[in-house]
């Protein structure tokens, strides 16, 4: 198989890497950006694989289209989602940011679904190795798995944030990989997942045993109602993620009908865009995926507009990142709060001088400390003498 023969070459030459990747991608059709010739459109500010494959190493973000839907027979037609989203994205206006974004085109599907997964895994691994953030669009939600495997191959255990109305943990011969890929990740590849965060689930679509298992393993979850009551609580969860995987089915049908399993209730388009902003502006996040867009169900291209706007916010968020993660005195203020009942009698907080974002420091039984994203309300709770629930949950994870 041609693909296998050049995989090892990626490690030896950035030139070979670029040439090797180009063999896996089809260029973007000029019809996608027809009518968007003015410089103010994103179509003119993104380096698109048309005739020449982009030198991806010189970019910050790389769009990867997926032409594959064999993982979800229930949503047949999702293979066309990438170009459907692109058309809407390219028609949006650019800001005054100095974009370094490329579009690698559409990843050619393999002979089998497993081959397609293998190709995506290698592409993501190479991009992350070169400090380029992959933005994966189109295809089915099972493509979350090869992204996790790419991190695994790099030897990195990650925090996976999954936005979905369902659990995708139930194996079924006729339903496809997209309906049980999360279960596979959390069982067969659990050593590669430091934390799992499930956002936007709907209780009446979830097995209660799965919800109990998430709690039992000290992972995190927020249903739609909880998000609506306290949307800001999603920000530190998304900020802690290395990879945010977003199933279009998490958005309510009226805002995003382009999914055979779309449900009348769910996140709003505005909430989805805000989550994308949180992801883009997080210095921790290194991969983003937007899956299960099925153009055949997209009434008046409503979904395409919402998903393209999500990508716009993700890109803009990236260019508003600040150097929060160094935690040096010039970057963040260190604040200690005396609290009874915790090791050393204090909880240490850090507040970014640039963004105003907060972290709390957790020390495990092995003495290794970790800084966990939190909210100012956690700090204010400490001032009253109460231990924040977020701190307690994380302490259990590190024990």
Protein backbone atom coordinates (compact mmCIF):
# COMPACT_ATOMS: atom_id res chain seq x y z
CA UNK A 1 0.00 0.00 0.00
CA UNK A 2 1.55 3.32 -1.09
CA UNK A 3 0.53 5.04 2.14
CA UNK A 4 2.51 2.64 4.32
CA UNK A 5 5.71 3.00 2.31
CA UNK A 6 6.13 6.70 2.97
CA UNK A 7 4.93 6.93 6.59
CA UNK A 8 8.43 6.41 8.01
CA UNK A 9 9.79 9.11 5.72
CA UNK A 10 7.77 11.74 7.56
CA UNK A 11 10.17 11.52 10.49
CA UNK A 12 13.25 12.40 8.44
CA UNK A 13 12.44 15.42 6.33
CA UNK A 14 9.89 18.19 6.52
CA UNK A 15 10.03 18.37 2.72
CA UNK A 16 9.28 14.66 2.43
CA UNK A 17 6.52 15.06 5.02
CA UNK A 18 4.82 17.71 2.93
CA UNK A 19 5.19 15.71 -0.26
CA UNK A 20 4.02 12.55 1.51
CA UNK A 21 0.92 14.16 2.92
CA UNK A 22 0.02 15.57 -0.47
CA UNK A 23 -0.45 12.02 -1.79
CA UNK A 24 -3.28 11.52 0.68
CA UNK A 25 -5.35 14.59 -0.17
CA UNK A 26 -7.60 15.70 -2.99
CA UNK A 27 -7.55 19.44 -3.73
CA UNK A 28 -10.49 21.69 -2.95
CA UNK A 29 -12.71 22.39 -5.95
CA UNK A 30 -12.66 26.03 -7.18
CA UNK A 31 -16.46 25.92 -7.06
CA UNK A 32 -16.23 26.06 -3.28
CA UNK A 33 -14.86 29.61 -3.27
CA UNK A 34 -16.53 30.88 -6.45
CA UNK A 35 -17.91 34.36 -5.81
CA UNK A 36 -15.58 35.03 -2.88
CA UNK A 37 -12.74 36.68 -4.79
CA UNK A 38 -12.58 39.83 -2.66
CA UNK A 39 -9.70 39.96 -0.17
CA UNK A 40 -12.09 40.45 2.75
CA UNK A 41 -13.39 36.87 2.45
CA UNK A 42 -11.80 33.98 4.33
CA UNK A 43 -11.49 32.22 0.97
CA UNK A 44 -8.71 34.68 0.15
CA UNK A 45 -7.05 34.60 3.57
CA UNK A 46 -6.71 30.82 3.90
CA UNK A 47 -4.05 29.02 1.88
CA UNK A 48 -6.14 26.47 0.03
CA UNK A 49 -4.91 23.27 -1.58
CA UNK A 50 -6.05 23.96 -5.11
CA UNK A 51 -3.21 23.23 -7.54
CA UNK A 52 -0.34 23.26 -5.04
CA UNK A 53 -0.30 21.45 -1.70
CA UNK A 54 0.40 23.90 1.16
CA UNK A 55 3.70 23.76 3.04
CA UNK A 56 1.82 23.04 6.24
CA UNK A 57 4.81 23.47 8.57
CA UNK A 58 4.64 27.24 8.09
CA UNK A 59 1.02 27.50 9.30
CA UNK A 60 -0.66 27.56 12.70
CA UNK A 61 -3.90 25.80 11.74
CA UNK A 62 -4.67 23.20 9.06
CA UNK A 63 -8.16 22.24 7.88
CA UNK A 64 -8.56 18.53 7.08
CA UNK A 65 -11.72 17.39 5.27
CA UNK A 66 -13.08 13.87 5.79
CA UNK A 67 -14.89 12.05 2.94
CA UNK A 68 -16.04 9.06 4.97
CA UNK A 69 -19.32 7.95 6.51
CA UNK A 70 -18.99 4.16 6.74
CA UNK A 71 -18.71 4.52 10.50
CA UNK A 72 -22.34 5.58 10.84
CA UNK A 73 -24.91 3.90 8.57
CA UNK A 74 -27.59 5.88 10.45
CA UNK A 75 -26.24 9.14 8.98
CA UNK A 76 -25.33 8.07 5.46
CA UNK A 77 -24.37 11.15 3.46
CA UNK A 78 -22.04 12.67 6.06
CA UNK A 79 -19.15 12.09 3.64
CA UNK A 80 -20.20 15.34 1.94
CA UNK A 81 -20.05 17.46 5.09
CA UNK A 82 -16.57 18.89 4.60
CA UNK A 83 -17.25 20.79 1.37
CA UNK A 84 -20.70 21.79 2.61
CA UNK A 85 -19.10 23.50 5.63
CA UNK A 86 -16.25 24.93 3.54
CA UNK A 87 -18.55 26.77 1.18
CA UNK A 88 -20.15 28.59 4.10
CA UNK A 89 -16.82 29.18 5.86
CA UNK A 90 -15.10 30.71 2.83
CA UNK A 91 -17.99 33.14 2.43
CA UNK A 92 -17.46 34.65 5.89
CA UNK A 93 -15.51 37.88 6.26
CA UNK A 94 -12.03 37.84 7.73
CA UNK A 95 -11.00 40.01 10.65
CA UNK A 96 -7.80 42.04 10.76
CA UNK A 97 -5.83 39.11 12.19
CA UNK A 98 -2.73 37.91 10.32
CA UNK A 99 -4.00 34.45 9.53
CA UNK A 100 -1.66 31.52 9.02
CA UNK A 101 -4.34 28.98 8.18
CA UNK A 102 -4.17 26.39 5.42
CA UNK A 103 -6.72 23.98 3.99
CA UNK A 104 -5.08 20.68 3.07
CA UNK A 105 -8.13 19.51 1.14
CA UNK A 106 -10.07 16.28 1.56
CA UNK A 107 -8.39 13.18 2.92
CA UNK A 108 -8.89 10.34 0.46
CA UNK A 109 -10.82 7.49 2.06
CA UNK A 110 -9.12 4.12 2.35
CA UNK A 111 -10.34 0.79 1.05
CA UNK A 112 -11.89 0.18 4.47
CA UNK A 113 -12.98 2.33 7.37
CA UNK A 114 -9.92 1.14 9.29
CA UNK A 115 -7.69 2.35 6.45
CA UNK A 116 -9.37 5.76 6.58
CA UNK A 117 -8.77 5.88 10.33
CA UNK A 118 -5.12 4.97 9.82
CA UNK A 119 -4.66 7.78 7.33
CA UNK A 120 -6.25 10.35 9.62
CA UNK A 121 -4.16 9.14 12.56
CA UNK A 122 -0.93 9.68 10.61
CA UNK A 123 -2.01 13.09 9.32
CA UNK A 124 -2.95 14.29 12.81
CA UNK A 125 0.24 12.90 14.33
CA UNK A 126 2.40 14.70 11.77
CA UNK A 127 0.55 17.99 12.16
CA UNK A 128 0.76 17.93 15.96
CA UNK A 129 4.46 16.96 15.78
CA UNK A 130 4.97 20.09 13.69
CA UNK A 131 2.94 22.19 16.17
CA UNK A 132 0.13 22.69 13.66
CA UNK A 133 -3.42 22.37 15.02
CA UNK A 134 -5.62 20.12 12.87
CA UNK A 135 -9.20 21.32 12.32
CA UNK A 136 -11.03 18.19 11.17
CA UNK A 137 -14.35 18.74 9.42
CA UNK A 138 -16.89 16.37 7.92
CA UNK A 139 -17.22 12.62 8.24
CA UNK A 140 -18.64 10.71 11.16
CA UNK A 141 -17.92 10.95 14.87
CA UNK A 142 -15.89 7.74 14.99
CA UNK A 143 -13.01 9.78 13.56
CA UNK A 144 -12.44 10.85 17.15
CA UNK A 145 -10.72 7.50 17.65
CA UNK A 146 -7.82 7.96 15.18
CA UNK A 147 -7.14 11.42 16.63
CA UNK A 148 -6.79 9.85 20.09
CA UNK A 149 -4.54 7.16 18.57
CA UNK A 150 -2.35 9.89 17.08
CA UNK A 151 -1.76 11.31 20.57
CA UNK A 152 -1.16 7.78 21.85
CA UNK A 153 1.50 7.23 19.21
CA UNK A 154 3.14 10.47 20.31
CA UNK A 155 3.22 9.10 23.87
CA UNK A 156 0.86 11.73 25.21
CA UNK A 157 -2.04 11.06 27.59
CA UNK A 158 -4.72 13.66 26.95
CA UNK A 159 -7.89 15.24 28.23
CA UNK A 160 -10.64 14.51 25.71
CA UNK A 161 -13.65 16.83 25.67
CA UNK A 162 -16.60 15.36 23.77
CA UNK A 163 -19.68 17.42 22.90
CA UNK A 164 -22.51 15.04 22.06
CA UNK A 165 -26.14 14.44 22.98
CA UNK A 166 -25.46 10.69 23.27
CA UNK A 167 -22.77 8.50 24.81
CA UNK A 168 -21.52 6.52 21.76
CA UNK A 169 -20.55 3.63 24.01
CA UNK A 170 -22.86 0.82 22.87
CA UNK A 171 -21.34 -1.71 20.43
CA UNK A 172 -23.75 -2.82 17.72
CA UNK A 173 -23.04 -4.70 14.52
CA UNK A 174 -25.58 -2.73 12.47
CA UNK A 175 -25.15 0.76 13.97
CA UNK A 176 -21.45 1.22 13.15
CA UNK A 177 -18.31 2.46 14.88
CA UNK A 178 -19.70 5.97 15.41
CA UNK A 179 -22.09 4.56 18.01
CA UNK A 180 -19.43 2.94 20.20
CA UNK A 181 -16.10 4.67 19.52
CA UNK A 182 -16.13 6.48 22.88
CA UNK A 183 -16.63 3.18 24.68
CA UNK A 184 -13.66 1.77 22.80
CA UNK A 185 -11.51 4.77 23.66
CA UNK A 186 -12.36 4.59 27.37
CA UNK A 187 -11.70 0.84 27.59
CA UNK A 188 -9.03 -0.22 25.10
CA UNK A 189 -7.17 3.10 25.18
CA UNK A 190 -7.95 4.28 28.71
CA UNK A 191 -4.25 4.81 29.50
CA UNK A 192 -4.19 7.49 26.82
CA UNK A 193 -7.06 9.42 28.43
CA UNK A 194 -6.16 11.36 31.56
CA UNK A 195 -9.63 12.86 31.78
CA UNK A 196 -12.81 12.47 29.81
CA UNK A 197 -15.30 15.36 29.67
CA UNK A 198 -18.77 14.90 28.19
CA UNK A 199 -20.66 18.09 27.44
CA UNK A 200 -24.18 18.65 26.14
CA UNK A 201 -25.64 15.21 26.74
CA UNK A 202 -29.39 14.74 27.04
CA UNK A 203 -30.38 12.40 29.87
CA UNK A 204 -33.27 10.78 27.96
CA UNK A 205 -30.79 9.76 25.22
CA UNK A 206 -28.18 8.31 27.61
CA UNK A 207 -27.91 4.95 29.38
CA UNK A 208 -27.96 5.69 33.11
CA UNK A 209 -25.21 3.09 33.60
CA UNK A 210 -22.92 5.15 31.39
CA UNK A 211 -23.63 8.27 33.41
CA UNK A 212 -22.85 6.35 36.59
CA UNK A 213 -19.61 5.03 35.09
CA UNK A 214 -18.46 8.56 34.21
CA UNK A 215 -18.95 9.57 37.84
CA UNK A 216 -17.37 6.37 39.16
CA UNK A 217 -14.18 6.97 37.18
CA UNK A 218 -14.12 10.63 38.27
CA UNK A 219 -14.55 11.98 34.78
CA UNK A 220 -16.74 15.02 34.13
CA UNK A 221 -20.10 15.60 32.50
CA UNK A 222 -22.61 18.41 31.97
CA UNK A 223 -26.06 17.93 30.50
CA UNK A 224 -27.73 20.57 28.36
CA UNK A 225 -29.83 21.89 31.25
CA UNK A 226 -26.78 22.38 33.47
CA UNK A 227 -24.98 24.16 30.65
CA UNK A 228 -27.95 26.45 30.16
CA UNK A 229 -28.07 27.28 33.88
CA UNK A 230 -24.34 28.02 34.12
CA UNK A 231 -22.75 28.24 30.70
CA UNK A 232 -19.51 29.73 32.03
CA UNK A 233 -18.84 26.43 33.82
CA UNK A 234 -18.01 24.89 30.42
CA UNK A 235 -15.09 27.26 29.91
CA UNK A 236 -12.55 25.71 32.35
CA UNK A 237 -13.58 22.22 31.21
CA UNK A 238 -12.93 23.05 27.56
CA UNK A 239 -9.76 24.93 28.55
CA UNK A 240 -8.40 21.77 30.15
CA UNK A 241 -8.85 19.73 26.96
CA UNK A 242 -6.18 18.75 24.46
CA UNK A 243 -8.77 17.67 21.90
CA UNK A 244 -12.36 18.86 21.51
CA UNK A 245 -14.55 16.53 19.46
CA UNK A 246 -17.93 18.00 18.50
CA UNK A 247 -20.87 15.99 17.16
CA UNK A 248 -23.31 18.17 15.23
CA UNK A 249 -26.10 16.14 16.83
CA UNK A 250 -25.45 17.98 20.09
CA UNK A 251 -27.02 21.11 18.55
CA UNK A 252 -30.82 21.28 18.48
CA UNK A 253 -32.50 20.41 15.19
CA UNK A 254 -33.82 23.92 14.57
CA UNK A 255 -30.27 25.33 14.59
CA UNK A 256 -28.51 22.39 12.92
CA UNK A 257 -30.80 19.99 11.03
CA UNK A 258 -27.93 18.45 9.00
CA UNK A 259 -27.91 15.15 10.87
CA UNK A 260 -30.17 12.13 10.47
CA UNK A 261 -30.24 11.80 14.26
CA UNK A 262 -30.88 15.47 14.97
CA UNK A 263 -33.12 16.01 17.98
CA UNK A 264 -35.52 18.90 18.70
CA UNK A 265 -33.60 19.83 21.84
CA UNK A 266 -29.94 20.52 22.48
CA UNK A 267 -27.37 23.29 22.43
CA UNK A 268 -28.17 26.47 20.53
CA UNK A 269 -26.04 27.66 17.66
CA UNK A 270 -24.83 30.55 19.80
CA UNK A 271 -23.76 28.19 22.59
CA UNK A 272 -21.90 26.00 20.09
CA UNK A 273 -20.05 29.04 18.73
CA UNK A 274 -19.10 30.13 22.25
CA UNK A 275 -17.68 26.67 22.96
CA UNK A 276 -15.66 26.89 19.75
CA UNK A 277 -14.27 30.24 20.93
CA UNK A 278 -13.29 28.71 24.28
CA UNK A 279 -11.51 25.90 22.45
CA UNK A 280 -9.68 28.16 20.04
CA UNK A 281 -8.51 30.54 22.76
CA UNK A 282 -7.20 27.73 24.98
CA UNK A 283 -3.42 27.40 24.97
CA UNK A 284 -3.83 23.74 25.95
CA UNK A 285 -5.93 22.59 23.01
CA UNK A 286 -4.08 21.08 20.02
CA UNK A 287 -6.85 19.45 17.92
CA UNK A 288 -10.47 20.24 17.03
CA UNK A 289 -13.02 18.08 15.22
CA UNK A 290 -16.49 18.87 13.87
CA UNK A 291 -18.33 15.71 12.78
CA UNK A 292 -21.64 14.28 11.49
CA UNK A 293 -22.71 17.12 9.18
CA UNK A 294 -25.02 15.59 6.56
CA UNK A 295 -25.82 18.04 3.72
CA UNK A 296 -28.83 15.99 2.56
CA UNK A 297 -30.68 17.02 5.74
CA UNK A 298 -29.59 20.67 5.79
CA UNK A 299 -32.68 22.77 5.19
CA UNK A 300 -31.67 26.06 3.53
CA UNK A 301 -28.03 25.41 4.59
CA UNK A 302 -28.82 26.41 8.17
CA UNK A 303 -26.33 23.94 9.63
CA UNK A 304 -23.57 24.99 7.25
CA UNK A 305 -23.94 28.58 8.46
CA UNK A 306 -23.81 27.56 12.13
CA UNK A 307 -20.84 25.21 11.72
CA UNK A 308 -18.90 27.67 9.57
CA UNK A 309 -19.46 30.33 12.21
CA UNK A 310 -18.17 27.90 14.84
CA UNK A 311 -14.98 27.51 12.81
CA UNK A 312 -14.74 31.29 12.44
CA UNK A 313 -14.90 31.64 16.23
CA UNK A 314 -12.38 28.85 16.72
CA UNK A 315 -9.90 30.54 14.39
CA UNK A 316 -10.45 33.95 15.96
CA UNK A 317 -10.12 32.41 19.41
CA UNK A 318 -6.76 30.95 18.43
CA UNK A 319 -5.46 34.38 17.49
CA UNK A 320 -6.54 35.69 20.89
CA UNK A 321 -4.51 33.13 22.81
CA UNK A 322 -2.21 34.43 25.52
CA UNK A 323 0.87 32.87 27.11
CA UNK A 324 -1.05 31.66 30.15
CA UNK A 325 0.60 28.30 30.68
CA UNK A 326 4.05 29.50 31.73
CA UNK A 327 2.61 30.80 35.04
CA UNK A 328 5.66 33.02 35.53
CA UNK A 329 5.20 36.06 37.81
CA UNK A 330 5.08 38.34 34.78
CA UNK A 331 2.28 36.27 33.26
CA UNK A 332 0.10 35.23 36.22
CA UNK A 333 -0.55 36.33 39.79
CA UNK A 334 -0.18 33.63 42.47
CA UNK A 335 -2.78 33.78 45.26
CA UNK A 336 -2.85 31.51 48.31
CA UNK A 337 -6.04 30.96 50.31
CA UNK A 338 -5.92 29.35 53.75
CA UNK A 339 -8.50 26.55 53.92
CA UNK A 340 -9.03 24.04 56.71
CA UNK A 341 -9.02 20.37 55.74
CA UNK A 342 -6.64 20.43 52.77
CA UNK A 343 -2.94 19.45 52.58
CA UNK A 344 -0.66 22.28 53.77
CA UNK A 345 -3.79 24.16 54.84
CA UNK A 346 -4.00 26.22 51.66
CA UNK A 347 -5.21 26.17 48.07
CA UNK A 348 -3.10 28.06 45.55
CA UNK A 349 -4.71 29.91 42.67
CA UNK A 350 -3.21 31.57 39.60
CA UNK A 351 -4.85 34.39 37.65
CA UNK A 352 -3.64 35.32 34.17
CA UNK A 353 -2.66 38.97 33.96
CA UNK A 354 -3.58 39.05 30.26
CA UNK A 355 -6.79 37.03 29.97
CA UNK A 356 -8.10 37.06 33.55
CA UNK A 357 -8.48 33.26 33.47
CA UNK A 358 -8.04 31.25 36.67
CA UNK A 359 -6.29 28.01 37.65
CA UNK A 360 -5.97 26.13 40.92
CA UNK A 361 -3.00 24.01 41.92
CA UNK A 362 -3.58 20.37 42.90
CA UNK A 363 -0.87 18.16 44.41
CA UNK A 364 -1.22 14.39 44.18
CA UNK A 365 -0.08 11.80 46.71
CA UNK A 366 3.15 11.41 44.72
CA UNK A 367 3.96 15.06 45.39
CA UNK A 368 3.51 16.08 41.76
CA UNK A 369 1.45 19.23 41.35
CA UNK A 370 -0.81 20.18 38.48
CA UNK A 371 -2.56 23.43 37.60
CA UNK A 372 -6.24 22.89 36.80
CA UNK A 373 -8.41 25.45 34.96
CA UNK A 374 -11.14 26.87 37.17
CA UNK A 375 -13.37 29.91 37.59
CA UNK A 376 -13.14 32.96 39.81
CA UNK A 377 -16.15 31.59 41.70
CA UNK A 378 -13.95 28.69 42.90
CA UNK A 379 -11.56 31.25 44.37
CA UNK A 380 -14.42 33.20 45.95
CA UNK A 381 -15.80 29.98 47.43
CA UNK A 382 -12.43 29.31 49.05
CA UNK A 383 -12.50 32.74 50.63
CA UNK A 384 -15.62 31.66 52.54
CA UNK A 385 -13.76 28.60 53.88
CA UNK A 386 -15.45 26.05 51.61
CA UNK A 387 -13.47 23.61 49.47
CA UNK A 388 -14.54 23.85 45.80
CA UNK A 389 -16.06 20.67 44.35
CA UNK A 390 -13.77 21.03 41.35
CA UNK A 391 -10.73 20.85 43.67
CA UNK A 392 -12.09 17.74 45.44
CA UNK A 393 -12.78 15.91 42.16
CA UNK A 394 -9.35 16.68 40.79
CA UNK A 395 -7.68 15.69 44.06
CA UNK A 396 -9.34 12.26 43.75
CA UNK A 397 -8.07 11.95 40.15
CA UNK A 398 -4.49 12.60 41.25
CA UNK A 399 -4.61 10.35 44.30
